[in-house]
Each structure stands twice: as structure tokens, then as C-alpha cells.
N, C-alpha and C. Protein backbone atom coordinates (compact mmCIF):
# COMPACT_ATOMS: atom_id res chain seq x y z
N MET A 1 14.69 -19.96 9.13
CA MET A 1 15.10 -18.93 8.15
C MET A 1 13.90 -18.18 7.61
N ILE A 2 12.60 -18.66 7.72
CA ILE A 2 11.79 -17.99 7.69
C ILE A 2 11.17 -16.62 8.65
N LEU A 3 11.33 -17.12 10.03
CA LEU A 3 11.07 -16.54 10.97
C LEU A 3 12.43 -14.91 10.80
N THR A 4 13.10 -15.56 10.65
CA THR A 4 14.18 -14.22 10.43
C THR A 4 14.10 -13.34 9.00
N TYR A 5 13.33 -13.92 8.01
CA TYR A 5 12.58 -13.11 6.64
C TYR A 5 11.58 -12.22 7.64
N LEU A 6 10.44 -12.74 8.49
CA LEU A 6 9.50 -11.92 8.72
C LEU A 6 10.18 -10.65 9.96
N ILE A 7 10.73 -11.42 10.59
CA ILE A 7 11.84 -10.67 11.25
C ILE A 7 11.73 -9.45 10.70
N ILE A 8 13.08 -9.31 9.88
CA ILE A 8 13.55 -8.34 9.05
C ILE A 8 12.37 -7.50 8.27
N LEU A 9 11.22 -8.40 8.02
CA LEU A 9 10.66 -7.47 7.35
C LEU A 9 9.58 -6.92 8.01
N LEU A 10 9.06 -7.09 9.22
CA LEU A 10 8.34 -6.37 10.39
C LEU A 10 9.28 -4.91 11.18
N ILE A 11 10.73 -5.39 10.81
CA ILE A 11 11.38 -4.14 11.24
C ILE A 11 11.31 -3.31 10.45
N ILE A 12 11.52 -3.70 9.25
CA ILE A 12 11.30 -2.67 7.81
C ILE A 12 10.41 -1.66 7.83
N PHE A 13 9.18 -2.48 7.87
CA PHE A 13 7.73 -1.82 7.75
C PHE A 13 7.79 -0.95 9.02
N LEU A 14 8.07 -1.49 10.08
CA LEU A 14 7.87 -0.17 11.39
C LEU A 14 9.41 1.07 10.92
N GLY A 15 9.88 1.33 9.87
CA GLY A 15 10.40 2.09 9.33
C GLY A 15 9.16 3.72 9.18
N LEU A 16 8.19 2.90 8.79
CA LEU A 16 7.35 4.12 8.13
C LEU A 16 6.59 4.77 9.48
N TYR A 17 6.62 3.92 10.38
CA TYR A 17 6.08 4.56 11.89
C TYR A 17 6.90 5.36 12.59
N ILE A 18 8.41 4.70 12.21
CA ILE A 18 9.53 5.85 12.56
C ILE A 18 9.41 7.44 12.09
N GLY A 19 9.03 7.14 11.08
CA GLY A 19 9.28 8.51 10.31
C GLY A 19 7.75 9.01 10.47
N LEU A 20 6.65 8.68 11.31
CA LEU A 20 5.74 9.12 11.73
C LEU A 20 5.80 9.59 12.66
N LEU A 21 6.47 8.90 13.37
CA LEU A 21 7.03 9.78 15.15
C LEU A 21 8.03 10.79 14.76
N VAL A 22 8.77 11.07 13.75
CA VAL A 22 9.67 11.94 13.37
C VAL A 22 8.87 12.90 13.24
N GLY A 23 7.65 13.02 12.33
CA GLY A 23 7.53 13.76 11.75
C GLY A 23 6.18 14.54 12.60
N TYR A 24 5.52 13.74 13.54
CA TYR A 24 5.12 14.05 14.62
C TYR A 24 5.49 15.06 15.38
N LEU A 25 7.19 14.43 15.93
CA LEU A 25 7.75 15.15 16.86
C LEU A 25 8.39 16.70 16.37
N ALA A 26 7.94 16.89 15.31
CA ALA A 26 8.42 18.05 14.61
C ALA A 26 7.82 18.61 13.22
N GLN A 27 6.22 18.69 13.92
CA GLN A 27 5.45 19.08 12.82
C GLN A 27 5.36 20.34 12.28
N GLU A 28 6.53 21.40 13.14
CA GLU A 28 6.38 22.94 12.69
C GLU A 28 7.71 22.64 11.35
N GLU A 29 8.34 21.90 11.41
CA GLU A 29 9.24 21.62 10.02
C GLU A 29 8.79 20.34 9.14
N LEU A 30 7.69 19.80 8.87
CA LEU A 30 6.99 19.32 7.63
C LEU A 30 6.95 20.33 6.81
N LYS A 31 6.45 20.90 6.52
CA LYS A 31 6.16 22.28 5.44
C LYS A 31 7.40 22.61 4.63
N PRO A 32 7.95 23.19 5.57
CA PRO A 32 9.49 23.33 4.93
C PRO A 32 9.98 22.24 4.32
N GLY A 33 10.11 21.39 5.15
CA GLY A 33 11.24 20.20 4.93
C GLY A 33 10.57 19.19 3.65
N LYS A 34 9.42 19.36 3.11
CA LYS A 34 8.67 18.21 2.43
C LYS A 34 9.39 18.20 0.99
N ASN A 35 10.06 19.24 0.53
CA ASN A 35 10.79 19.28 -0.53
C ASN A 35 12.00 18.53 -0.15
N TYR A 36 12.51 18.61 1.09
CA TYR A 36 13.63 17.49 1.12
C TYR A 36 13.53 16.29 1.46
N LEU A 37 12.61 15.98 1.93
CA LEU A 37 11.79 14.52 2.47
C LEU A 37 11.75 13.75 0.91
N ASN A 38 11.05 14.72 0.07
CA ASN A 38 10.90 14.08 -1.22
C ASN A 38 11.74 13.46 -2.26
N LEU A 39 12.84 14.57 -1.77
CA LEU A 39 14.32 14.53 -2.45
C LEU A 39 15.01 13.12 -1.82
N LEU A 40 14.83 13.27 -0.52
CA LEU A 40 15.26 11.76 -0.07
C LEU A 40 14.57 10.58 0.07
N ARG A 41 13.63 10.69 -0.30
CA ARG A 41 12.88 9.15 -0.79
C ARG A 41 12.99 9.22 -2.36
N HIS A 42 13.04 9.82 -3.29
CA HIS A 42 13.60 9.40 -4.22
C HIS A 42 15.20 9.26 -4.69
N LEU A 43 15.96 9.62 -3.53
CA LEU A 43 17.01 9.40 -3.71
C LEU A 43 17.88 8.02 -3.12
N LEU A 44 16.95 7.65 -2.13
CA LEU A 44 16.77 6.35 -1.67
C LEU A 44 16.47 5.04 -2.21
N PHE A 45 14.82 5.22 -3.09
CA PHE A 45 14.56 4.33 -3.67
C PHE A 45 15.49 4.20 -4.95
N ILE A 46 15.94 5.15 -5.70
CA ILE A 46 17.56 4.66 -6.82
C ILE A 46 18.35 3.85 -6.44
N ALA A 47 18.61 4.32 -4.84
CA ALA A 47 19.76 3.65 -4.27
C ALA A 47 19.70 1.91 -4.15
N ILE A 48 18.04 1.84 -3.54
CA ILE A 48 17.44 0.68 -3.57
C ILE A 48 17.83 -0.05 -4.94
N ILE A 49 17.14 0.65 -5.64
CA ILE A 49 17.08 -0.08 -7.45
C ILE A 49 18.46 -0.78 -7.90
N VAL A 50 19.31 0.73 -7.70
CA VAL A 50 20.82 0.66 -8.25
C VAL A 50 21.59 -0.58 -7.64
N ILE A 51 21.56 -0.29 -5.94
CA ILE A 51 21.70 -1.95 -5.84
C ILE A 51 21.79 -2.78 -5.69
N PHE A 52 20.31 -3.15 -5.67
CA PHE A 52 19.81 -4.44 -6.09
C PHE A 52 20.47 -4.99 -7.71
N PHE A 53 20.42 -4.27 -8.56
CA PHE A 53 20.60 -4.56 -9.82
C PHE A 53 22.34 -4.67 -9.80
N VAL A 54 22.96 -4.32 -9.26
CA VAL A 54 24.23 -4.19 -9.18
C VAL A 54 24.67 -5.70 -8.61
N LYS A 55 23.55 -5.83 -7.71
CA LYS A 55 24.04 -7.08 -6.84
C LYS A 55 23.31 -8.06 -7.26
N ASN A 56 22.33 -8.01 -8.47
CA ASN A 56 21.55 -9.17 -8.83
C ASN A 56 21.38 -8.92 -10.30
N TRP A 57 22.18 -9.01 -11.11
CA TRP A 57 22.57 -8.41 -12.33
C TRP A 57 21.63 -9.61 -13.33
N SER A 58 20.54 -9.33 -13.79
CA SER A 58 19.55 -10.27 -14.52
C SER A 58 18.67 -10.03 -15.39
N VAL A 59 18.22 -10.23 -16.58
CA VAL A 59 17.40 -9.53 -17.49
C VAL A 59 16.31 -9.61 -16.83
N LEU A 60 16.02 -10.84 -16.41
CA LEU A 60 14.69 -11.15 -15.97
C LEU A 60 14.19 -9.95 -14.62
N PHE A 61 15.20 -9.65 -13.82
CA PHE A 61 14.87 -8.75 -12.40
C PHE A 61 14.81 -7.75 -13.15
N VAL A 62 15.76 -7.38 -14.43
CA VAL A 62 15.45 -5.80 -14.67
C VAL A 62 13.89 -5.63 -15.45
N ILE A 63 13.61 -6.55 -16.52
CA ILE A 63 12.22 -6.54 -16.38
C ILE A 63 11.39 -6.45 -15.81
N MET A 64 11.29 -7.02 -14.75
CA MET A 64 10.23 -7.53 -13.61
C MET A 64 10.13 -5.70 -12.94
N ILE A 65 11.54 -5.72 -12.50
CA ILE A 65 11.04 -4.38 -11.72
C ILE A 65 10.48 -3.35 -12.49
N ALA A 66 11.15 -3.14 -13.32
CA ALA A 66 11.01 -2.12 -14.64
C ALA A 66 9.26 -2.02 -14.79
N ALA A 67 9.05 -3.42 -15.64
CA ALA A 67 7.65 -3.22 -15.76
C ALA A 67 6.63 -3.02 -14.73
N LEU A 68 6.93 -3.24 -12.89
CA LEU A 68 6.45 -2.73 -11.56
C LEU A 68 6.39 -1.53 -11.77
N ILE A 69 7.45 -0.68 -12.10
CA ILE A 69 7.57 0.91 -11.62
C ILE A 69 6.61 1.46 -12.76
N ILE A 70 6.60 0.84 -13.89
CA ILE A 70 6.39 1.65 -14.86
C ILE A 70 4.82 1.38 -14.94
N ILE A 71 4.23 0.41 -14.40
CA ILE A 71 2.83 0.35 -14.44
C ILE A 71 2.40 0.92 -13.36
N PHE A 72 3.20 0.92 -12.22
CA PHE A 72 2.76 1.91 -10.85
C PHE A 72 2.90 3.28 -10.66
N SER A 73 3.35 3.99 -11.93
CA SER A 73 3.98 5.30 -12.38
C SER A 73 2.36 5.87 -12.62
N PHE A 74 1.18 5.31 -13.14
CA PHE A 74 0.44 5.58 -13.66
C PHE A 74 -1.06 6.01 -13.20
N SER A 75 -0.45 5.21 -11.61
CA SER A 75 -1.49 4.99 -10.77
C SER A 75 -1.55 6.56 -9.42
N ARG A 76 -2.69 6.98 -9.37
CA ARG A 76 -2.24 8.09 -8.45
C ARG A 76 -1.82 7.43 -7.16
N TYR A 77 -1.80 6.12 -7.00
CA TYR A 77 -1.65 5.86 -5.20
C TYR A 77 0.22 5.38 -5.64
N ARG A 78 0.86 6.12 -6.78
CA ARG A 78 2.09 5.16 -7.05
C ARG A 78 2.86 5.28 -6.05
N GLU A 79 3.01 6.45 -4.81
CA GLU A 79 3.76 5.99 -3.66
C GLU A 79 3.55 4.78 -2.95
N THR A 80 2.61 4.34 -2.56
CA THR A 80 2.10 3.45 -1.63
C THR A 80 2.32 2.01 -2.84
N LEU A 81 2.08 2.21 -3.81
CA LEU A 81 2.43 1.14 -5.10
C LEU A 81 4.40 0.66 -5.04
N TYR A 82 4.88 1.75 -5.04
CA TYR A 82 6.26 1.92 -4.82
C TYR A 82 6.77 1.03 -3.61
N TYR A 83 5.87 1.45 -2.44
CA TYR A 83 6.73 0.72 -1.31
C TYR A 83 6.63 -0.83 -1.49
N TYR A 84 5.28 -1.08 -2.03
CA TYR A 84 4.66 -2.62 -2.09
C TYR A 84 5.81 -3.42 -2.87
N ALA A 85 6.76 -2.35 -4.12
CA ALA A 85 7.59 -2.93 -5.17
C ALA A 85 8.73 -3.26 -4.01
N LEU A 86 8.68 -2.50 -3.65
CA LEU A 86 10.09 -2.72 -2.71
C LEU A 86 10.18 -4.15 -1.73
N ALA A 87 8.78 -4.35 -1.55
CA ALA A 87 8.42 -6.06 -1.11
C ALA A 87 8.82 -7.26 -1.64
N VAL A 88 8.97 -7.07 -3.20
CA VAL A 88 9.20 -7.69 -3.93
C VAL A 88 10.83 -7.46 -4.11
N ILE A 89 11.50 -6.54 -4.19
CA ILE A 89 12.75 -6.12 -4.32
C ILE A 89 13.63 -7.06 -2.57
N PHE A 90 12.55 -6.70 -1.59
CA PHE A 90 13.05 -7.58 -0.35
C PHE A 90 13.36 -8.74 -0.70
N PHE A 91 12.65 -9.40 -1.22
CA PHE A 91 12.10 -10.69 -1.03
C PHE A 91 13.41 -11.58 -1.97
N LEU A 92 13.54 -10.72 -3.05
CA LEU A 92 14.32 -10.85 -4.47
C LEU A 92 15.48 -11.35 -3.70
N ALA A 93 16.09 -10.20 -3.10
CA ALA A 93 17.13 -9.67 -2.55
C ALA A 93 17.09 -10.97 -1.39
N TRP A 94 16.32 -11.65 -0.38
CA TRP A 94 16.57 -11.96 0.55
C TRP A 94 17.26 -13.78 -0.47
N HIS A 95 16.67 -14.17 -1.54
CA HIS A 95 16.82 -15.42 -1.87
C HIS A 95 18.33 -15.39 -2.67
N PHE A 96 18.70 -14.21 -3.08
CA PHE A 96 19.63 -14.23 -4.28
C PHE A 96 20.75 -13.29 -3.77
N ASN A 97 20.77 -12.45 -3.67
CA ASN A 97 22.24 -11.46 -2.97
C ASN A 97 21.65 -10.11 -2.25
N GLY A 98 22.64 -9.46 -1.22
CA GLY A 98 22.39 -8.36 -0.99
C GLY A 98 21.25 -7.82 0.16
N ILE A 99 20.87 -8.82 0.83
CA ILE A 99 19.49 -8.54 1.52
C ILE A 99 20.22 -7.30 2.68
N THR A 100 21.27 -8.01 3.47
CA THR A 100 21.44 -6.79 4.28
C THR A 100 21.27 -5.02 4.09
N LEU A 101 21.96 -5.02 2.80
CA LEU A 101 21.88 -3.79 2.48
C LEU A 101 20.45 -3.42 1.90
N ILE A 102 20.02 -4.04 1.13
CA ILE A 102 18.81 -3.48 1.00
C ILE A 102 17.50 -3.81 2.04
N ALA A 103 17.64 -4.11 2.88
CA ALA A 103 16.81 -4.37 4.13
C ALA A 103 17.38 -2.73 4.72
N LEU A 104 18.27 -2.48 4.79
CA LEU A 104 18.57 -1.50 5.75
C LEU A 104 18.00 0.11 4.91
N LEU A 105 18.35 0.01 3.27
CA LEU A 105 17.39 1.07 2.67
C LEU A 105 16.32 1.35 2.73
N ILE A 106 15.71 0.02 2.75
CA ILE A 106 14.04 0.34 2.49
C ILE A 106 13.71 0.79 4.12
N PHE A 107 14.17 0.36 5.05
CA PHE A 107 13.71 0.76 6.35
C PHE A 107 14.40 2.39 6.06
N LEU A 108 15.51 2.55 5.88
CA LEU A 108 15.73 4.21 5.97
C LEU A 108 14.25 4.76 4.68
N TYR A 109 14.05 4.03 3.76
CA TYR A 109 13.19 4.54 3.14
C TYR A 109 11.93 4.92 3.42
N GLY A 110 11.44 4.10 4.64
CA GLY A 110 10.00 4.69 5.58
C GLY A 110 10.08 5.53 5.92
N PHE A 111 11.20 6.13 6.47
CA PHE A 111 11.33 7.51 7.24
C PHE A 111 10.79 8.80 6.53
N PRO A 112 11.24 9.08 5.45
CA PRO A 112 10.44 9.99 4.37
C PRO A 112 9.25 9.88 4.44
N VAL A 113 9.01 8.63 3.77
CA VAL A 113 7.29 8.38 3.57
C VAL A 113 6.70 8.45 4.52
N GLY A 114 7.01 7.67 5.91
CA GLY A 114 6.18 8.40 6.96
C GLY A 114 6.14 9.90 7.39
N SER A 115 7.01 10.43 6.67
CA SER A 115 7.18 11.84 7.63
C SER A 115 6.12 12.52 6.32
N ILE A 116 6.33 12.19 5.04
CA ILE A 116 5.14 13.09 3.96
C ILE A 116 3.35 12.66 4.42
N TYR A 117 3.53 11.09 4.58
CA TYR A 117 2.44 11.00 4.87
C TYR A 117 1.64 11.99 5.78
N LEU A 118 2.42 11.96 6.99
CA LEU A 118 1.54 13.24 7.95
C LEU A 118 1.64 14.54 7.52
N CYS A 119 2.40 14.91 6.94
CA CYS A 119 2.31 16.20 6.67
C CYS A 119 1.45 15.97 5.18
N ASP A 120 0.98 15.43 4.74
CA ASP A 120 -0.28 15.07 3.80
C ASP A 120 -1.69 15.08 4.52
N HIS A 121 -1.66 14.17 6.17
CA HIS A 121 -3.18 14.24 6.66
C HIS A 121 -2.77 15.13 7.59
N ILE A 122 -2.12 15.65 8.08
CA ILE A 122 -2.49 15.98 9.27
C ILE A 122 -3.50 17.32 9.22
N LYS A 123 -3.52 17.79 8.23
CA LYS A 123 -4.45 18.97 8.10
C LYS A 123 -5.83 18.90 8.07
N ASP A 124 -6.03 17.31 7.55
CA ASP A 124 -7.40 16.61 6.98
C ASP A 124 -7.72 16.58 8.50
N LYS A 125 -7.02 15.77 9.25
CA LYS A 125 -7.33 14.91 10.55
C LYS A 125 -6.21 15.17 11.82
N LYS A 126 -6.60 16.30 12.83
CA LYS A 126 -5.74 16.39 13.80
C LYS A 126 -6.00 15.26 14.72
N ASN A 127 -6.73 14.26 14.30
CA ASN A 127 -6.52 12.92 15.67
C ASN A 127 -5.39 12.02 14.83
N ILE A 128 -4.15 11.88 15.54
CA ILE A 128 -3.23 10.69 15.22
C ILE A 128 -3.70 9.77 15.14
N LYS A 129 -4.69 9.41 15.57
CA LYS A 129 -4.58 7.70 15.89
C LYS A 129 -5.38 7.44 14.79
N LYS A 130 -6.49 8.27 13.78
CA LYS A 130 -6.71 8.22 12.53
C LYS A 130 -5.51 8.18 11.56
N ILE A 131 -4.74 8.78 11.53
CA ILE A 131 -3.33 9.06 10.69
C ILE A 131 -2.98 7.64 10.70
N VAL A 132 -2.42 6.96 11.93
CA VAL A 132 -1.51 6.05 11.91
C VAL A 132 -2.82 4.70 11.60
N LEU A 133 -3.73 5.05 11.67
CA LEU A 133 -4.57 3.58 11.22
C LEU A 133 -4.94 4.08 9.62
N GLY A 134 -4.95 4.75 9.41
CA GLY A 134 -4.66 5.41 8.23
C GLY A 134 -3.73 4.69 7.25
N MET A 135 -2.45 5.30 7.59
CA MET A 135 -1.09 4.60 7.38
C MET A 135 -1.04 3.05 7.23
N LEU A 136 -1.69 2.23 8.27
CA LEU A 136 -1.73 0.79 8.35
C LEU A 136 -2.40 0.63 7.31
N TYR A 137 -3.23 0.95 7.10
CA TYR A 137 -4.07 0.43 6.19
C TYR A 137 -3.90 0.88 4.54
N ASP A 138 -2.94 1.92 4.38
CA ASP A 138 -2.38 1.69 3.05
C ASP A 138 -1.55 1.30 2.51
N TYR A 139 -0.39 1.03 3.85
CA TYR A 139 1.23 0.48 3.89
C TYR A 139 0.78 -1.04 4.47
N VAL A 140 -0.29 -1.66 4.59
CA VAL A 140 -0.57 -2.85 5.09
C VAL A 140 0.40 -4.25 4.04
N GLY A 141 -0.37 -3.52 2.89
CA GLY A 141 -0.14 -4.51 1.94
C GLY A 141 1.36 -4.78 1.20
N PHE A 142 2.34 -4.10 1.85
CA PHE A 142 3.54 -4.41 2.10
C PHE A 142 3.92 -5.38 2.64
N PHE A 143 3.92 -5.42 3.89
CA PHE A 143 3.92 -6.41 4.86
C PHE A 143 3.21 -7.41 4.46
N GLY A 144 2.20 -7.61 4.09
CA GLY A 144 1.24 -8.73 3.51
C GLY A 144 1.55 -9.70 2.31
N LEU A 145 2.23 -8.56 1.50
CA LEU A 145 2.89 -9.15 0.00
C LEU A 145 4.15 -9.87 0.85
N GLY A 146 5.08 -9.26 1.31
CA GLY A 146 6.29 -9.76 1.94
C GLY A 146 5.90 -11.07 2.29
N VAL A 147 5.05 -11.39 3.40
CA VAL A 147 4.69 -12.31 4.25
C VAL A 147 4.21 -13.37 3.14
N LEU A 148 3.16 -12.95 2.15
CA LEU A 148 3.33 -13.96 0.90
C LEU A 148 4.34 -14.31 0.41
N LEU A 149 5.13 -13.58 -0.28
CA LEU A 149 6.12 -14.04 -0.86
C LEU A 149 6.97 -14.96 -0.08
N GLY A 150 7.60 -15.02 1.16
CA GLY A 150 7.91 -15.42 1.87
C GLY A 150 7.57 -16.87 2.05
N LEU A 151 5.84 -17.20 2.12
CA LEU A 151 5.83 -18.31 2.21
C LEU A 151 5.84 -19.12 1.13
N ILE A 152 5.78 -18.10 -0.14
CA ILE A 152 6.07 -19.02 -1.35
C ILE A 152 7.09 -19.32 -1.42
N GLY A 153 8.20 -18.97 -1.10
CA GLY A 153 9.48 -19.00 -1.05
C GLY A 153 9.93 -20.15 -0.64
N LEU A 154 9.34 -20.28 0.78
CA LEU A 154 9.28 -21.22 1.61
C LEU A 154 9.15 -22.59 0.80
N LEU A 155 7.54 -22.43 -0.08
CA LEU A 155 7.29 -23.66 -0.79
C LEU A 155 8.35 -24.35 -1.91
N LEU A 156 9.18 -23.23 -2.21
CA LEU A 156 10.05 -23.59 -3.24
C LEU A 156 11.18 -24.32 -3.12
């Protein structure tokens, strides 16, 4: 069961790199489309939160996720931290209810996040290898947190 969890977590994480690839293949469309990518990112995040709470209605979940989002909102790294919060939501959905739809939406959430990351960093670094490694450095916490939560869930 933990192997399935880890494979799904890895596939979700690869959504970031698919978004990066799409952005790389359509570099000339990134600047004019950045507002639409941000809108898509926000809509997907809201959809993930709403679907998670519809499937798992509990005061504890509401308080925990709302506290994470509010705390992360004050950080200058809020987009990265929002992605980390999705690891917590994925873990909770795995244990309680609604894993299929939540996993799909988090995977799709990675597309605009990866493209926006490329748009923000392509002007600074023309070397795509540095951009890929930079994104890995920024977002590997999602995968690490997901693995840690999965191992904790295995012990419970």
C-alpha cells in the first residue's frame, strides 16, 4: 500500500516538470499567458481545497489546512509552501477519502506552477539545466514531506 502511495506521489511531483516542459516548448507564449496560468493555478488550488473538504468534512481538517494556508500566505515563498500544503492534503486524502480526484488535481496544479516557474526564471538563467535543478531544489520538499507523512502513516 505504501508503494502505491509513493508511486502516486512521484507521478504528482512530475506534474511540475511536465509544466516546465510545456513552458519550455512554448516560451514565446509564457509572458502573455502568465495571467491565465496564475488564474488556472488559483482555480485548481481552490478546487482541491473544496473537494477535499466536501469528501472529508471535519473541524480538525478545516482548522489545520486553514492554519497552514494562512501562515504560508505571509511568506515570500508562499507558492512553494502552498505546494507543500498539498502534500499534507494528499496524505490526508489517502488515509480518509477522495484520493483519486485530489491526486489528479494536484498533478494538474503542477502544470501552471512549472510553467510560471520557468517564466520567472528564464530571463535570469538561459541555462535550462540550472532552471530544472532550481525547481527541484525549491519543490523537493513536497516529495520529501509526502514520503515522511507516508512513513508516519505506515506506523499508525
